[in-house]
Amino acid sequence: MEKLPFEQKKQGDKVVRTFSESVDDTELKWHVDNEDRLVTPLHKTDWMIQMDNELPERLMENEGFVIPKGVYHRIIKGNGDLKVSIKFI
């Protein structure tokens, strides 16, 4: 089984994922998810999200965005750790 590039903890109906600043960029691959997700960064960061056929966008603290099921996307590493809340919808 492939090691995931984050640590995850369940909190109620959500999970909190932490991506370490030391994660290798090559581990942050383009991928699709099997369900829709509402992702909310929990702090100020310069990490970015890139959706298929779109330019990267900076993740904004407490501003949630939806990642639709089956849409390719990736996280682009910034400085410091990244912590996000994910609600499966």
PDB file of N, CA and C in Angstrom:
ATOM      1  N   MET A   1       0.842  -1.195   0.000  1.00  0.00           N
ATOM      2  CA  MET A   1       0.000   0.000   0.000  1.00  0.00           C
ATOM      3  C   MET A   1       0.882   1.252   0.000  1.00  0.00           C
ATOM      4  N   GLU A   2       0.537   2.193  -0.862  1.00  0.00           N
ATOM      5  CA  GLU A   2       1.330   3.414  -0.994  1.00  0.00           C
ATOM      6  C   GLU A   2       1.121   4.325   0.214  1.00  0.00           C
ATOM      7  N   LYS A   3       2.216   4.889   0.716  1.00  0.00           N
ATOM      8  CA  LYS A   3       2.138   5.828   1.842  1.00  0.00           C
ATOM      9  C   LYS A   3       1.527   7.145   1.359  1.00  0.00           C
ATOM     10  N   LEU A   4       0.582   7.656   2.122  1.00  0.00           N
ATOM     11  CA  LEU A   4      -0.064   8.925   1.767  1.00  0.00           C
ATOM     12  C   LEU A   4       0.805  10.093   2.234  1.00  0.00           C
ATOM     13  N   PRO A   5       0.745  11.232   1.526  1.00  0.00           N
ATOM     14  CA  PRO A   5       1.626  12.366   1.851  1.00  0.00           C
ATOM     15  C   PRO A   5       1.077  13.276   2.959  1.00  0.00           C
ATOM     16  N   PHE A   6       0.239  12.741   3.837  1.00  0.00           N
ATOM     17  CA  PHE A   6      -0.358  13.531   4.917  1.00  0.00           C
ATOM     18  C   PHE A   6      -0.664  12.636   6.099  1.00  0.00           C
ATOM     19  N   GLU A   7      -0.888  13.281   7.255  1.00  0.00           N
ATOM     20  CA  GLU A   7      -1.419  12.605   8.434  1.00  0.00           C
ATOM     21  C   GLU A   7      -2.870  13.033   8.556  1.00  0.00           C
ATOM     22  N   GLN A   8      -3.711  12.149   9.079  1.00  0.00           N
ATOM     23  CA  GLN A   8      -5.151  12.432   9.111  1.00  0.00           C
ATOM     24  C   GLN A   8      -5.743  12.039  10.458  1.00  0.00           C
ATOM     25  N   LYS A   9      -6.636  12.905  10.976  1.00  0.00           N
ATOM     26  CA  LYS A   9      -7.360  12.619  12.221  1.00  0.00           C
ATOM     27  C   LYS A   9      -8.833  12.918  11.998  1.00  0.00           C
ATOM     28  N   LYS A  10      -9.695  12.023  12.466  1.00  0.00           N
ATOM     29  CA  LYS A  10     -11.140  12.224  12.351  1.00  0.00           C
ATOM     30  C   LYS A  10     -11.608  13.155  13.464  1.00  0.00           C
ATOM     31  N   GLN A  11     -12.459  14.132  13.099  1.00  0.00           N
ATOM     32  CA  GLN A  11     -13.044  15.057  14.078  1.00  0.00           C
ATOM     33  C   GLN A  11     -14.516  15.211  13.736  1.00  0.00           C
ATOM     34  N   GLY A  12     -15.362  14.440  14.407  1.00  0.00           N
ATOM     35  CA  GLY A  12     -16.794  14.482  14.124  1.00  0.00           C
ATOM     36  C   GLY A  12     -17.069  13.979  12.724  1.00  0.00           C
ATOM     37  N   ASP A  13     -17.788  14.796  11.925  1.00  0.00           N
ATOM     38  CA  ASP A  13     -18.120  14.398  10.557  1.00  0.00           C
ATOM     39  C   ASP A  13     -17.065  14.847   9.545  1.00  0.00           C
ATOM     40  N   LYS A  14     -15.919  15.290  10.036  1.00  0.00           N
ATOM     41  CA  LYS A  14     -14.840  15.775   9.168  1.00  0.00           C
ATOM     42  C   LYS A  14     -13.550  15.032   9.486  1.00  0.00           C
ATOM     43  N   VAL A  15     -12.561  15.229   8.615  1.00  0.00           N
ATOM     44  CA  VAL A  15     -11.201  14.794   8.916  1.00  0.00           C
ATOM     45  C   VAL A  15     -10.301  16.014   8.790  1.00  0.00           C
ATOM     46  N   VAL A  16      -9.247  16.033   9.584  1.00  0.00           N
ATOM     47  CA  VAL A  16      -8.252  17.091   9.491  1.00  0.00           C
ATOM     48  C   VAL A  16      -6.976  16.449   8.958  1.00  0.00           C
ATOM     49  N   ARG A  17      -6.499  16.969   7.848  1.00  0.00           N
ATOM     50  CA  ARG A  17      -5.277  16.465   7.230  1.00  0.00           C
ATOM     51  C   ARG A  17      -4.168  17.486   7.395  1.00  0.00           C
ATOM     52  N   THR A  18      -2.998  16.984   7.733  1.00  0.00           N
ATOM     53  CA  THR A  18      -1.813  17.827   7.857  1.00  0.00           C
ATOM     54  C   THR A  18      -0.767  17.336   6.871  1.00  0.00           C
ATOM     55  N   PHE A  19      -0.378  18.236   5.973  1.00  0.00           N
ATOM     56  CA  PHE A  19       0.694  17.984   5.026  1.00  0.00           C
ATOM     57  C   PHE A  19       1.944  18.648   5.588  1.00  0.00           C
ATOM     58  N   SER A  20       2.999  17.883   5.799  1.00  0.00           N
ATOM     59  CA  SER A  20       4.224  18.397   6.391  1.00  0.00           C
ATOM     60  C   SER A  20       5.013  19.232   5.390  1.00  0.00           C
ATOM     61  N   GLU A  21       5.662  20.245   5.906  1.00  0.00           N
ATOM     62  CA  GLU A  21       6.559  21.068   5.088  1.00  0.00           C
ATOM     63  C   GLU A  21       7.660  20.213   4.462  1.00  0.00           C
ATOM     64  N   SER A  22       7.987  19.090   5.093  1.00  0.00           N
ATOM     65  CA  SER A  22       9.074  18.239   4.593  1.00  0.00           C
ATOM     66  C   SER A  22       8.618  17.215   3.553  1.00  0.00           C
ATOM     67  N   VAL A  23       7.311  17.212   3.194  1.00  0.00           N
ATOM     68  CA  VAL A  23       6.836  16.274   2.178  1.00  0.00           C
ATOM     69  C   VAL A  23       7.558  16.561   0.861  1.00  0.00           C
ATOM     70  N   ASP A  24       7.928  15.506   0.150  1.00  0.00           N
ATOM     71  CA  ASP A  24       8.587  15.663  -1.141  1.00  0.00           C
ATOM     72  C   ASP A  24       7.554  16.091  -2.182  1.00  0.00           C
ATOM     73  N   ASP A  25       7.882  17.078  -2.994  1.00  0.00           N
ATOM     74  CA  ASP A  25       6.959  17.565  -4.024  1.00  0.00           C
ATOM     75  C   ASP A  25       6.435  16.435  -4.912  1.00  0.00           C
ATOM     76  N   THR A  26       7.257  15.424  -5.150  1.00  0.00           N
ATOM     77  CA  THR A  26       6.843  14.331  -6.034  1.00  0.00           C
ATOM     78  C   THR A  26       5.730  13.481  -5.423  1.00  0.00           C
ATOM     79  N   GLU A  27       5.507  13.584  -4.119  1.00  0.00           N
ATOM     80  CA  GLU A  27       4.420  12.845  -3.470  1.00  0.00           C
ATOM     81  C   GLU A  27       3.063  13.534  -3.668  1.00  0.00           C
ATOM     82  N   LEU A  28       3.072  14.790  -4.057  1.00  0.00           N
ATOM     83  CA  LEU A  28       1.833  15.562  -4.242  1.00  0.00           C
ATOM     84  C   LEU A  28       1.405  15.438  -5.700  1.00  0.00           C
ATOM     85  N   LYS A  29       0.836  14.287  -6.030  1.00  0.00           N
ATOM     86  CA  LYS A  29       0.532  13.920  -7.407  1.00  0.00           C
ATOM     87  C   LYS A  29      -0.870  14.345  -7.816  1.00  0.00           C
ATOM     88  N   TRP A  30      -1.061  14.494  -9.133  1.00  0.00           N
ATOM     89  CA  TRP A  30      -2.396  14.667  -9.682  1.00  0.00           C
ATOM     90  C   TRP A  30      -3.196  13.417  -9.333  1.00  0.00           C
ATOM     91  N   HIS A  31      -4.437  13.594  -8.880  1.00  0.00           N
ATOM     92  CA  HIS A  31      -5.282  12.461  -8.537  1.00  0.00           C
ATOM     93  C   HIS A  31      -6.750  12.862  -8.581  1.00  0.00           C
ATOM     94  N   VAL A  32      -7.622  11.864  -8.509  1.00  0.00           N
ATOM     95  CA  VAL A  32      -9.067  12.097  -8.413  1.00  0.00           C
ATOM     96  C   VAL A  32      -9.563  11.443  -7.133  1.00  0.00           C
ATOM     97  N   ASP A  33     -10.676  11.952  -6.616  1.00  0.00           N
ATOM     98  CA  ASP A  33     -11.310  11.382  -5.433  1.00  0.00           C
ATOM     99  C   ASP A  33     -12.615  10.712  -5.835  1.00  0.00           C
ATOM    100  N   ASN A  34     -13.066   9.777  -4.994  1.00  0.00           N
ATOM    101  CA  ASN A  34     -14.287   9.025  -5.283  1.00  0.00           C
ATOM    102  C   ASN A  34     -15.548   9.650  -4.706  1.00  0.00           C
ATOM    103  N   GLU A  35     -15.409  10.817  -4.070  1.00  0.00           N
ATOM    104  CA  GLU A  35     -16.568  11.524  -3.532  1.00  0.00           C
ATOM    105  C   GLU A  35     -16.303  13.026  -3.563  1.00  0.00           C
ATOM    106  N   ASP A  36     -17.384  13.809  -3.550  1.00  0.00           N
ATOM    107  CA  ASP A  36     -17.245  15.266  -3.472  1.00  0.00           C
ATOM    108  C   ASP A  36     -16.713  15.620  -2.087  1.00  0.00           C
ATOM    109  N   ARG A  37     -15.924  16.678  -2.020  1.00  0.00           N
ATOM    110  CA  ARG A  37     -15.329  17.116  -0.754  1.00  0.00           C
ATOM    111  C   ARG A  37     -15.396  18.626  -0.613  1.00  0.00           C
ATOM    112  N   LEU A  38     -15.652  19.071   0.598  1.00  0.00           N
ATOM    113  CA  LEU A  38     -15.534  20.482   0.951  1.00  0.00           C
ATOM    114  C   LEU A  38     -14.251  20.597   1.762  1.00  0.00           C
ATOM    115  N   VAL A  39     -13.280  21.324   1.217  1.00  0.00           N
ATOM    116  CA  VAL A  39     -11.963  21.444   1.838  1.00  0.00           C
ATOM    117  C   VAL A  39     -11.785  22.879   2.331  1.00  0.00           C
ATOM    118  N   THR A  40     -11.375  23.016   3.606  1.00  0.00           N
ATOM    119  CA  THR A  40     -11.202  24.336   4.205  1.00  0.00           C
ATOM    120  C   THR A  40      -9.830  24.432   4.868  1.00  0.00           C
ATOM    121  N   PRO A  41      -8.950  25.304   4.379  1.00  0.00           N
ATOM    122  CA  PRO A  41      -7.670  25.525   5.053  1.00  0.00           C
ATOM    123  C   PRO A  41      -7.908  26.118   6.442  1.00  0.00           C
ATOM    124  N   LEU A  42      -7.173  25.638   7.437  1.00  0.00           N
ATOM    125  CA  LEU A  42      -7.407  26.050   8.818  1.00  0.00           C
ATOM    126  C   LEU A  42      -6.464  27.151   9.300  1.00  0.00           C
ATOM    127  N   HIS A  43      -5.602  27.653   8.412  1.00  0.00           N
ATOM    128  CA  HIS A  43      -4.670  28.715   8.791  1.00  0.00           C
ATOM    129  C   HIS A  43      -4.187  29.423   7.532  1.00  0.00           C
ATOM    130  N   LYS A  44      -3.527  30.556   7.723  1.00  0.00           N
ATOM    131  CA  LYS A  44      -2.940  31.296   6.600  1.00  0.00           C
ATOM    132  C   LYS A  44      -1.793  30.477   6.024  1.00  0.00           C
ATOM    133  N   THR A  45      -1.720  30.401   4.699  1.00  0.00           N
ATOM    134  CA  THR A  45      -0.709  29.573   4.052  1.00  0.00           C
ATOM    135  C   THR A  45      -0.421  30.077   2.640  1.00  0.00           C
ATOM    136  N   ASP A  46       0.708  29.655   2.098  1.00  0.00           N
ATOM    137  CA  ASP A  46       0.987  29.961   0.691  1.00  0.00           C
ATOM    138  C   ASP A  46       0.928  28.688  -0.165  1.00  0.00           C
ATOM    139  N   TRP A  47       0.433  27.588   0.402  1.00  0.00           N
ATOM    140  CA  TRP A  47       0.199  26.381  -0.391  1.00  0.00           C
ATOM    141  C   TRP A  47      -0.905  26.693  -1.402  1.00  0.00           C
ATOM    142  N   MET A  48      -0.949  25.905  -2.485  1.00  0.00           N
ATOM    143  CA  MET A  48      -1.924  26.161  -3.545  1.00  0.00           C
ATOM    144  C   MET A  48      -2.637  24.869  -3.936  1.00  0.00           C
ATOM    145  N   ILE A  49      -3.795  25.027  -4.577  1.00  0.00           N
ATOM    146  CA  ILE A  49      -4.540  23.920  -5.170  1.00  0.00           C
ATOM    147  C   ILE A  49      -4.620  24.184  -6.663  1.00  0.00           C
ATOM    148  N   GLN A  50      -4.497  23.124  -7.451  1.00  0.00           N
ATOM    149  CA  GLN A  50      -4.672  23.259  -8.897  1.00  0.00           C
ATOM    150  C   GLN A  50      -5.664  22.204  -9.351  1.00  0.00           C
ATOM    151  N   MET A  51      -6.736  22.670  -9.978  1.00  0.00           N
ATOM    152  CA  MET A  51      -7.745  21.788 -10.541  1.00  0.00           C
ATOM    153  C   MET A  51      -7.403  21.555 -12.007  1.00  0.00           C
ATOM    154  N   ASP A  52      -7.889  20.452 -12.572  1.00  0.00           N
ATOM    155  CA  ASP A  52      -7.630  20.093 -13.960  1.00  0.00           C
ATOM    156  C   ASP A  52      -7.990  21.245 -14.898  1.00  0.00           C
ATOM    157  N   ASN A  53      -7.080  21.576 -15.803  1.00  0.00           N
ATOM    158  CA  ASN A  53      -7.259  22.629 -16.813  1.00  0.00           C
ATOM    159  C   ASN A  53      -7.457  24.019 -16.220  1.00  0.00           C
ATOM    160  N   GLU A  54      -6.953  24.248 -15.008  1.00  0.00           N
ATOM    161  CA  GLU A  54      -7.047  25.564 -14.373  1.00  0.00           C
ATOM    162  C   GLU A  54      -5.669  25.963 -13.843  1.00  0.00           C
ATOM    163  N   LEU A  55      -5.499  27.249 -13.613  1.00  0.00           N
ATOM    164  CA  LEU A  55      -4.269  27.740 -12.997  1.00  0.00           C
ATOM    165  C   LEU A  55      -4.310  27.473 -11.496  1.00  0.00           C
ATOM    166  N   PRO A  56      -3.153  27.327 -10.861  1.00  0.00           N
ATOM    167  CA  PRO A  56      -3.133  27.136  -9.407  1.00  0.00           C
ATOM    168  C   PRO A  56      -3.744  28.340  -8.687  1.00  0.00           C
ATOM    169  N   GLU A  57      -4.403  28.055  -7.554  1.00  0.00           N
ATOM    170  CA  GLU A  57      -4.982  29.109  -6.717  1.00  0.00           C
ATOM    171  C   GLU A  57      -4.472  28.948  -5.300  1.00  0.00           C
ATOM    172  N   ARG A  58      -4.172  30.072  -4.674  1.00  0.00           N
ATOM    173  CA  ARG A  58      -3.703  30.049  -3.294  1.00  0.00           C
ATOM    174  C   ARG A  58      -4.837  29.619  -2.366  1.00  0.00           C
ATOM    175  N   LEU A  59      -4.501  28.789  -1.384  1.00  0.00           N
ATOM    176  CA  LEU A  59      -5.474  28.370  -0.384  1.00  0.00           C
ATOM    177  C   LEU A  59      -5.644  29.508   0.622  1.00  0.00           C
ATOM    178  N   MET A  60      -6.884  29.871   0.895  1.00  0.00           N
ATOM    179  CA  MET A  60      -7.175  30.990   1.786  1.00  0.00           C
ATOM    180  C   MET A  60      -7.776  30.481   3.090  1.00  0.00           C
ATOM    181  N   GLU A  61      -7.248  30.975   4.204  1.00  0.00           N
ATOM    182  CA  GLU A  61      -7.691  30.564   5.528  1.00  0.00           C
ATOM    183  C   GLU A  61      -9.207  30.676   5.667  1.00  0.00           C
ATOM    184  N   ASN A  62      -9.830  29.601   6.137  1.00  0.00           N
ATOM    185  CA  ASN A  62     -11.268  29.519   6.416  1.00  0.00           C
ATOM    186  C   ASN A  62     -12.163  29.723   5.197  1.00  0.00           C
ATOM    187  N   GLU A  63     -11.603  29.665   3.978  1.00  0.00           N
ATOM    188  CA  GLU A  63     -12.415  29.760   2.763  1.00  0.00           C
ATOM    189  C   GLU A  63     -12.492  28.373   2.133  1.00  0.00           C
ATOM    190  N   GLY A  64     -13.651  27.737   2.307  1.00  0.00           N
ATOM    191  CA  GLY A  64     -13.832  26.397   1.792  1.00  0.00           C
ATOM    192  C   GLY A  64     -14.027  26.386   0.285  1.00  0.00           C
ATOM    193  N   PHE A  65     -13.659  25.279  -0.330  1.00  0.00           N
ATOM    194  CA  PHE A  65     -13.882  25.092  -1.757  1.00  0.00           C
ATOM    195  C   PHE A  65     -14.236  23.628  -1.974  1.00  0.00           C
ATOM    196  N   VAL A  66     -14.998  23.369  -3.014  1.00  0.00           N
ATOM    197  CA  VAL A  66     -15.441  22.013  -3.315  1.00  0.00           C
ATOM    198  C   VAL A  66     -14.517  21.380  -4.345  1.00  0.00           C
ATOM    199  N   ILE A  67     -14.122  20.153  -4.071  1.00  0.00           N
ATOM    200  CA  ILE A  67     -13.418  19.329  -5.053  1.00  0.00           C
ATOM    201  C   ILE A  67     -14.422  18.268  -5.495  1.00  0.00           C
ATOM    202  N   PRO A  68     -14.935  18.385  -6.732  1.00  0.00           N
ATOM    203  CA  PRO A  68     -15.938  17.419  -7.196  1.00  0.00           C
ATOM    204  C   PRO A  68     -15.338  16.032  -7.441  1.00  0.00           C
ATOM    205  N   LYS A  69     -16.143  15.033  -7.200  1.00  0.00           N
ATOM    206  CA  LYS A  69     -15.762  13.645  -7.473  1.00  0.00           C
ATOM    207  C   LYS A  69     -15.302  13.514  -8.920  1.00  0.00           C
ATOM    208  N   GLY A  70     -14.189  12.800  -9.132  1.00  0.00           N
ATOM    209  CA  GLY A  70     -13.723  12.500 -10.473  1.00  0.00           C
ATOM    210  C   GLY A  70     -12.953  13.598 -11.176  1.00  0.00           C
ATOM    211  N   VAL A  71     -12.706  14.741 -10.508  1.00  0.00           N
ATOM    212  CA  VAL A  71     -11.972  15.848 -11.126  1.00  0.00           C
ATOM    213  C   VAL A  71     -10.503  15.788 -10.676  1.00  0.00           C
ATOM    214  N   TYR A  72      -9.594  15.747 -11.655  1.00  0.00           N
ATOM    215  CA  TYR A  72      -8.167  15.728 -11.327  1.00  0.00           C
ATOM    216  C   TYR A  72      -7.771  17.019 -10.629  1.00  0.00           C
ATOM    217  N   HIS A  73      -6.918  16.877  -9.610  1.00  0.00           N
ATOM    218  CA  HIS A  73      -6.422  18.032  -8.867  1.00  0.00           C
ATOM    219  C   HIS A  73      -5.136  17.643  -8.149  1.00  0.00           C
ATOM    220  N   ARG A  74      -4.433  18.671  -7.659  1.00  0.00           N
ATOM    221  CA  ARG A  74      -3.219  18.439  -6.884  1.00  0.00           C
ATOM    222  C   ARG A  74      -2.992  19.616  -5.942  1.00  0.00           C
ATOM    223  N   ILE A  75      -2.222  19.347  -4.901  1.00  0.00           N
ATOM    224  CA  ILE A  75      -1.781  20.379  -3.964  1.00  0.00           C
ATOM    225  C   ILE A  75      -0.363  20.769  -4.373  1.00  0.00           C
ATOM    226  N   ILE A  76      -0.054  22.056  -4.307  1.00  0.00           N
ATOM    227  CA  ILE A  76       1.284  22.553  -4.600  1.00  0.00           C
ATOM    228  C   ILE A  76       1.878  23.079  -3.296  1.00  0.00           C
ATOM    229  N   LYS A  77       3.000  22.535  -2.940  1.00  0.00           N
ATOM    230  CA  LYS A  77       3.635  22.818  -1.654  1.00  0.00           C
ATOM    231  C   LYS A  77       4.055  24.272  -1.515  1.00  0.00           C
ATOM    232  N   GLY A  78       3.862  24.778  -0.304  1.00  0.00           N
ATOM    233  CA  GLY A  78       4.314  26.110   0.066  1.00  0.00           C
ATOM    234  C   GLY A  78       5.254  26.005   1.258  1.00  0.00           C
ATOM    235  N   ASN A  79       5.304  27.047   2.059  1.00  0.00           N
ATOM    236  CA  ASN A  79       6.156  27.073   3.242  1.00  0.00           C
ATOM    237  C   ASN A  79       5.364  26.654   4.468  1.00  0.00           C
ATOM    238  N   GLY A  80       6.015  25.962   5.383  1.00  0.00           N
ATOM    239  CA  GLY A  80       5.359  25.503   6.599  1.00  0.00           C
ATOM    240  C   GLY A  80       4.428  24.332   6.302  1.00  0.00           C
ATOM    241  N   ASP A  81       3.810  23.810   7.359  1.00  0.00           N
ATOM    242  CA  ASP A  81       2.851  22.729   7.206  1.00  0.00           C
ATOM    243  C   ASP A  81       1.530  23.281   6.686  1.00  0.00           C
ATOM    244  N   LEU A  82       0.732  22.414   6.098  1.00  0.00           N
ATOM    245  CA  LEU A  82      -0.618  22.762   5.652  1.00  0.00           C
ATOM    246  C   LEU A  82      -1.607  21.900   6.419  1.00  0.00           C
ATOM    247  N   LYS A  83      -2.597  22.542   7.048  1.00  0.00           N
ATOM    248  CA  LYS A  83      -3.648  21.818   7.764  1.00  0.00           C
ATOM    249  C   LYS A  83      -4.989  22.216   7.179  1.00  0.00           C
ATOM    250  N   VAL A  84      -5.763  21.207   6.733  1.00  0.00           N
ATOM    251  CA  VAL A  84      -7.070  21.453   6.142  1.00  0.00           C
ATOM    252  C   VAL A  84      -8.112  20.558   6.789  1.00  0.00           C
ATOM    253  N   SER A  85      -9.341  21.057   6.828  1.00  0.00           N
ATOM    254  CA  SER A  85     -10.493  20.289   7.253  1.00  0.00           C
ATOM    255  C   SER A  85     -11.205  19.803   6.003  1.00  0.00           C
ATOM    256  N   ILE A  86     -11.621  18.531   5.990  1.00  0.00           N
ATOM    257  CA  ILE A  86     -12.301  17.959   4.834  1.00  0.00           C
ATOM    258  C   ILE A  86     -13.618  17.354   5.272  1.00  0.00           C
ATOM    259  N   LYS A  87     -14.674  17.795   4.613  1.00  0.00           N
ATOM    260  CA  LYS A  87     -16.010  17.224   4.845  1.00  0.00           C
ATOM    261  C   LYS A  87     -16.418  16.519   3.569  1.00  0.00           C
ATOM    262  N   PHE A  88     -16.754  15.240   3.684  1.00  0.00           N
ATOM    263  CA  PHE A  88     -17.200  14.466   2.529  1.00  0.00           C
ATOM    264  C   PHE A  88     -18.672  14.750   2.300  1.00  0.00           C
ATOM    265  N   ILE A  89     -19.025  15.198   1.073  1.00  0.00           N
ATOM    266  CA  ILE A  89     -20.404  15.617   0.788  1.00  0.00           C
ATOM    267  C   ILE A  89     -21.001  14.805  -0.343  1.00  0.00           C
TER     268      ILE A  89
END
